[in-house]
Amino acid sequence: MGTRWSALLYRAEGFDPAPIRHALQIAVDEVDAQMSMWKPDSDLMRLNACPVGEWITVPERLMDDAEAFRAWALEAVAVAHRAGSARGPAKKTSPRKRKPPQ
């Protein structure tokens, strides 16, 4: 599987979009190399395959994203707790049972 991207630019006549195209491709390639679930050598897949207790080196950006997700998840659990929810934000709720028509 690959990653597709597109960009719509409004530009003045004579403007060369090649440098922007190149910069966007570099950014997409970086995210793909770090976060791809389809590439076994991506940083995310290496992290997921790492045995528990073993340390590996990952890019700072991946750690920043992991920390941001952790903070979001902790806040989501806290909100669910404050709201009196018996279930956490990641748990699916059962559909409500409807009374049969009479």
N, C-alpha and C. Protein backbone atom coordinates (compact mmCIF):
# COMPACT_ATOMS: atom_id res chain seq x y z
N MET A 1 0.85 -1.18 0.00
CA MET A 1 0.00 0.00 0.00
C MET A 1 0.89 1.23 0.00
N GLY A 2 0.38 2.28 -0.57
CA GLY A 2 1.13 3.52 -0.63
C GLY A 2 0.35 4.65 0.00
N THR A 3 0.99 5.77 0.08
CA THR A 3 0.35 6.97 0.62
C THR A 3 0.15 7.95 -0.52
N ARG A 4 -1.05 8.47 -0.61
CA ARG A 4 -1.34 9.48 -1.63
C ARG A 4 -1.56 10.82 -0.95
N TRP A 5 -1.25 11.86 -1.65
CA TRP A 5 -1.51 13.19 -1.15
C TRP A 5 -1.78 14.10 -2.33
N SER A 6 -2.43 15.20 -2.05
CA SER A 6 -2.65 16.21 -3.08
C SER A 6 -2.65 17.58 -2.41
N ALA A 7 -2.36 18.58 -3.20
CA ALA A 7 -2.38 19.96 -2.71
C ALA A 7 -2.94 20.84 -3.82
N LEU A 8 -3.76 21.76 -3.43
CA LEU A 8 -4.33 22.71 -4.38
C LEU A 8 -3.70 24.07 -4.09
N LEU A 9 -3.00 24.61 -5.08
CA LEU A 9 -2.31 25.88 -4.91
C LEU A 9 -2.89 26.93 -5.85
N TYR A 10 -3.10 28.09 -5.32
CA TYR A 10 -3.44 29.23 -6.15
C TYR A 10 -2.16 30.05 -6.27
N ARG A 11 -1.68 30.19 -7.47
CA ARG A 11 -0.36 30.79 -7.64
C ARG A 11 -0.37 31.84 -8.73
N ALA A 12 0.59 32.72 -8.61
CA ALA A 12 0.77 33.75 -9.63
C ALA A 12 1.40 33.11 -10.87
N GLU A 13 1.13 33.69 -11.99
CA GLU A 13 1.70 33.17 -13.23
C GLU A 13 3.22 33.19 -13.13
N GLY A 14 3.83 32.11 -13.56
CA GLY A 14 5.29 32.01 -13.53
C GLY A 14 5.83 31.41 -12.24
N PHE A 15 4.96 31.21 -11.25
CA PHE A 15 5.40 30.63 -9.98
C PHE A 15 5.72 29.16 -10.19
N ASP A 16 6.86 28.71 -9.68
CA ASP A 16 7.28 27.32 -9.83
C ASP A 16 6.86 26.52 -8.59
N PRO A 17 5.90 25.59 -8.72
CA PRO A 17 5.45 24.82 -7.56
C PRO A 17 6.38 23.65 -7.19
N ALA A 18 7.42 23.40 -7.97
CA ALA A 18 8.29 22.25 -7.73
C ALA A 18 8.89 22.23 -6.32
N PRO A 19 9.40 23.35 -5.78
CA PRO A 19 9.95 23.30 -4.41
C PRO A 19 8.89 22.94 -3.36
N ILE A 20 7.67 23.42 -3.55
CA ILE A 20 6.59 23.09 -2.61
C ILE A 20 6.24 21.61 -2.74
N ARG A 21 6.13 21.14 -3.96
CA ARG A 21 5.84 19.72 -4.21
C ARG A 21 6.91 18.85 -3.53
N HIS A 22 8.16 19.25 -3.71
CA HIS A 22 9.28 18.50 -3.12
C HIS A 22 9.20 18.49 -1.59
N ALA A 23 8.93 19.65 -0.99
CA ALA A 23 8.83 19.75 0.48
C ALA A 23 7.66 18.92 1.01
N LEU A 24 6.54 18.95 0.31
CA LEU A 24 5.39 18.15 0.73
C LEU A 24 5.69 16.66 0.64
N GLN A 25 6.36 16.25 -0.42
CA GLN A 25 6.71 14.83 -0.56
C GLN A 25 7.66 14.38 0.55
N ILE A 26 8.61 15.23 0.91
CA ILE A 26 9.53 14.90 2.00
C ILE A 26 8.75 14.73 3.31
N ALA A 27 7.80 15.63 3.58
CA ALA A 27 7.00 15.53 4.81
C ALA A 27 6.17 14.25 4.83
N VAL A 28 5.55 13.91 3.71
CA VAL A 28 4.75 12.68 3.64
C VAL A 28 5.64 11.46 3.81
N ASP A 29 6.80 11.46 3.18
CA ASP A 29 7.73 10.34 3.31
C ASP A 29 8.18 10.15 4.76
N GLU A 30 8.40 11.27 5.46
CA GLU A 30 8.82 11.19 6.86
C GLU A 30 7.73 10.56 7.72
N VAL A 31 6.50 11.03 7.55
CA VAL A 31 5.39 10.45 8.31
C VAL A 31 5.21 8.98 7.97
N ASP A 32 5.30 8.64 6.70
CA ASP A 32 5.15 7.25 6.26
C ASP A 32 6.25 6.36 6.86
N ALA A 33 7.48 6.84 6.87
CA ALA A 33 8.59 6.07 7.43
C ALA A 33 8.44 5.85 8.93
N GLN A 34 7.82 6.81 9.60
CA GLN A 34 7.67 6.69 11.04
C GLN A 34 6.40 5.96 11.45
N MET A 35 5.28 6.20 10.75
CA MET A 35 3.99 5.75 11.25
C MET A 35 3.29 4.67 10.43
N SER A 36 3.90 4.22 9.35
CA SER A 36 3.24 3.24 8.48
C SER A 36 2.95 1.94 9.22
N MET A 37 1.73 1.46 9.07
CA MET A 37 1.38 0.15 9.61
C MET A 37 1.55 -0.93 8.54
N TRP A 38 1.98 -0.53 7.35
CA TRP A 38 2.13 -1.47 6.23
C TRP A 38 3.58 -1.77 5.93
N LYS A 39 4.48 -0.94 6.44
CA LYS A 39 5.91 -1.15 6.20
C LYS A 39 6.53 -1.77 7.45
N PRO A 40 7.02 -3.00 7.35
CA PRO A 40 7.54 -3.66 8.56
C PRO A 40 8.75 -2.96 9.17
N ASP A 41 9.43 -2.11 8.39
CA ASP A 41 10.60 -1.42 8.93
C ASP A 41 10.28 0.01 9.39
N SER A 42 8.99 0.38 9.41
CA SER A 42 8.65 1.72 9.90
C SER A 42 8.96 1.79 11.40
N ASP A 43 9.16 2.99 11.90
CA ASP A 43 9.50 3.16 13.31
C ASP A 43 8.38 2.64 14.22
N LEU A 44 7.13 2.88 13.83
CA LEU A 44 6.00 2.40 14.63
C LEU A 44 5.98 0.87 14.68
N MET A 45 6.20 0.22 13.55
CA MET A 45 6.19 -1.25 13.52
C MET A 45 7.38 -1.82 14.30
N ARG A 46 8.54 -1.15 14.22
CA ARG A 46 9.69 -1.60 15.03
C ARG A 46 9.37 -1.48 16.51
N LEU A 47 8.72 -0.37 16.89
CA LEU A 47 8.35 -0.17 18.29
C LEU A 47 7.34 -1.24 18.73
N ASN A 48 6.35 -1.52 17.90
CA ASN A 48 5.35 -2.52 18.24
C ASN A 48 5.95 -3.92 18.33
N ALA A 49 6.97 -4.20 17.55
CA ALA A 49 7.59 -5.53 17.53
C ALA A 49 8.64 -5.71 18.64
N CYS A 50 9.00 -4.62 19.28
CA CYS A 50 10.05 -4.68 20.30
C CYS A 50 9.55 -5.47 21.52
N PRO A 51 10.36 -6.41 22.01
CA PRO A 51 9.97 -7.16 23.21
C PRO A 51 9.82 -6.23 24.41
N VAL A 52 8.90 -6.57 25.29
CA VAL A 52 8.68 -5.78 26.50
C VAL A 52 9.98 -5.70 27.30
N GLY A 53 10.31 -4.50 27.74
CA GLY A 53 11.50 -4.29 28.54
C GLY A 53 12.75 -4.00 27.73
N GLU A 54 12.68 -4.15 26.41
CA GLU A 54 13.84 -3.85 25.57
C GLU A 54 13.73 -2.43 25.06
N TRP A 55 14.80 -1.67 25.09
CA TRP A 55 14.82 -0.29 24.65
C TRP A 55 15.26 -0.21 23.19
N ILE A 56 14.58 0.64 22.43
CA ILE A 56 15.00 0.93 21.06
C ILE A 56 14.99 2.43 20.86
N THR A 57 15.69 2.89 19.85
CA THR A 57 15.74 4.31 19.53
C THR A 57 14.67 4.60 18.48
N VAL A 58 13.86 5.62 18.76
CA VAL A 58 12.86 6.06 17.79
C VAL A 58 13.01 7.57 17.61
N PRO A 59 12.53 8.10 16.49
CA PRO A 59 12.65 9.54 16.27
C PRO A 59 11.89 10.35 17.33
N GLU A 60 12.41 11.51 17.60
CA GLU A 60 11.79 12.39 18.60
C GLU A 60 10.34 12.71 18.22
N ARG A 61 10.08 12.88 16.94
CA ARG A 61 8.72 13.20 16.49
C ARG A 61 7.74 12.09 16.86
N LEU A 62 8.16 10.83 16.72
CA LEU A 62 7.30 9.71 17.10
C LEU A 62 7.03 9.73 18.61
N MET A 63 8.04 10.04 19.40
CA MET A 63 7.85 10.13 20.85
C MET A 63 6.91 11.28 21.20
N ASP A 64 7.05 12.41 20.50
CA ASP A 64 6.15 13.54 20.73
C ASP A 64 4.70 13.13 20.45
N ASP A 65 4.49 12.42 19.34
CA ASP A 65 3.14 11.98 18.98
C ASP A 65 2.60 10.99 20.01
N ALA A 66 3.45 10.07 20.47
CA ALA A 66 3.03 9.09 21.47
C ALA A 66 2.67 9.78 22.79
N GLU A 67 3.46 10.77 23.19
CA GLU A 67 3.16 11.51 24.42
C GLU A 67 1.87 12.32 24.28
N ALA A 68 1.65 12.90 23.11
CA ALA A 68 0.41 13.66 22.89
C ALA A 68 -0.79 12.73 22.97
N PHE A 69 -0.68 11.55 22.38
CA PHE A 69 -1.79 10.59 22.45
C PHE A 69 -2.02 10.14 23.89
N ARG A 70 -0.94 9.89 24.62
CA ARG A 70 -1.07 9.47 26.02
C ARG A 70 -1.80 10.54 26.83
N ALA A 71 -1.42 11.81 26.64
CA ALA A 71 -2.07 12.90 27.36
C ALA A 71 -3.56 12.98 27.00
N TRP A 72 -3.87 12.82 25.70
CA TRP A 72 -5.26 12.84 25.26
C TRP A 72 -6.04 11.70 25.91
N ALA A 73 -5.46 10.50 25.91
CA ALA A 73 -6.15 9.33 26.45
C ALA A 73 -6.40 9.50 27.94
N LEU A 74 -5.42 10.01 28.68
CA LEU A 74 -5.60 10.22 30.12
C LEU A 74 -6.71 11.24 30.39
N GLU A 75 -6.75 12.30 29.59
CA GLU A 75 -7.80 13.30 29.76
C GLU A 75 -9.17 12.72 29.41
N ALA A 76 -9.24 11.90 28.37
CA ALA A 76 -10.51 11.27 27.99
C ALA A 76 -11.03 10.36 29.10
N VAL A 77 -10.13 9.62 29.74
CA VAL A 77 -10.53 8.76 30.86
C VAL A 77 -11.00 9.61 32.03
N ALA A 78 -10.30 10.72 32.31
CA ALA A 78 -10.70 11.61 33.40
C ALA A 78 -12.08 12.22 33.15
N VAL A 79 -12.33 12.63 31.92
CA VAL A 79 -13.64 13.19 31.58
C VAL A 79 -14.73 12.14 31.75
N ALA A 80 -14.48 10.93 31.29
CA ALA A 80 -15.46 9.85 31.45
C ALA A 80 -15.72 9.58 32.93
N HIS A 81 -14.66 9.61 33.72
CA HIS A 81 -14.81 9.38 35.17
C HIS A 81 -15.64 10.49 35.82
N ARG A 82 -15.32 11.74 35.48
CA ARG A 82 -16.07 12.88 36.05
C ARG A 82 -17.53 12.85 35.63
N ALA A 83 -17.79 12.32 34.45
CA ALA A 83 -19.17 12.26 33.95
C ALA A 83 -19.92 11.07 34.54
N GLY A 84 -19.23 10.26 35.31
CA GLY A 84 -19.88 9.11 35.93
C GLY A 84 -20.05 7.94 34.99
N SER A 85 -19.28 7.92 33.93
CA SER A 85 -19.39 6.83 32.96
C SER A 85 -18.79 5.56 33.54
N ALA A 86 -19.50 4.47 33.35
CA ALA A 86 -18.99 3.18 33.81
C ALA A 86 -18.01 2.60 32.80
N ARG A 87 -17.95 3.18 31.64
CA ARG A 87 -17.06 2.69 30.59
C ARG A 87 -16.07 3.77 30.21
N GLY A 88 -14.89 3.34 29.81
CA GLY A 88 -13.88 4.28 29.35
C GLY A 88 -14.18 4.74 27.93
N PRO A 89 -13.46 5.73 27.44
CA PRO A 89 -13.74 6.27 26.11
C PRO A 89 -13.44 5.31 24.97
N ALA A 90 -12.63 4.28 25.21
CA ALA A 90 -12.27 3.37 24.13
C ALA A 90 -13.19 2.15 24.07
N LYS A 91 -14.06 2.01 25.03
CA LYS A 91 -14.93 0.83 25.06
C LYS A 91 -16.19 1.11 24.27
N LYS A 92 -16.60 0.11 23.51
CA LYS A 92 -17.84 0.25 22.75
C LYS A 92 -19.02 0.07 23.69
N THR A 93 -20.03 0.85 23.47
CA THR A 93 -21.23 0.70 24.28
C THR A 93 -22.22 -0.17 23.52
N SER A 94 -23.00 -0.88 24.27
CA SER A 94 -24.02 -1.72 23.65
C SER A 94 -25.16 -0.86 23.16
N PRO A 95 -25.75 -1.23 22.02
CA PRO A 95 -26.91 -0.46 21.59
C PRO A 95 -28.04 -0.62 22.60
N ARG A 96 -28.81 0.41 22.77
CA ARG A 96 -29.93 0.34 23.72
C ARG A 96 -30.95 -0.67 23.21
N LYS A 97 -31.46 -1.41 24.14
CA LYS A 97 -32.49 -2.37 23.77
C LYS A 97 -33.80 -1.61 23.63
N ARG A 98 -34.46 -1.86 22.53
CA ARG A 98 -35.74 -1.20 22.28
C ARG A 98 -36.88 -2.11 22.70
N LYS A 99 -37.89 -1.47 23.19
CA LYS A 99 -39.08 -2.25 23.55
C LYS A 99 -39.80 -2.62 22.26
N PRO A 100 -40.30 -3.83 22.18
CA PRO A 100 -41.03 -4.20 20.97
C PRO A 100 -42.30 -3.38 20.83
N PRO A 101 -42.70 -3.08 19.60
CA PRO A 101 -43.94 -2.30 19.43
C PRO A 101 -45.13 -3.10 19.94
N GLN A 102 -46.10 -2.37 20.46
CA GLN A 102 -47.29 -3.03 21.02
C GLN A 102 -48.47 -2.92 20.11
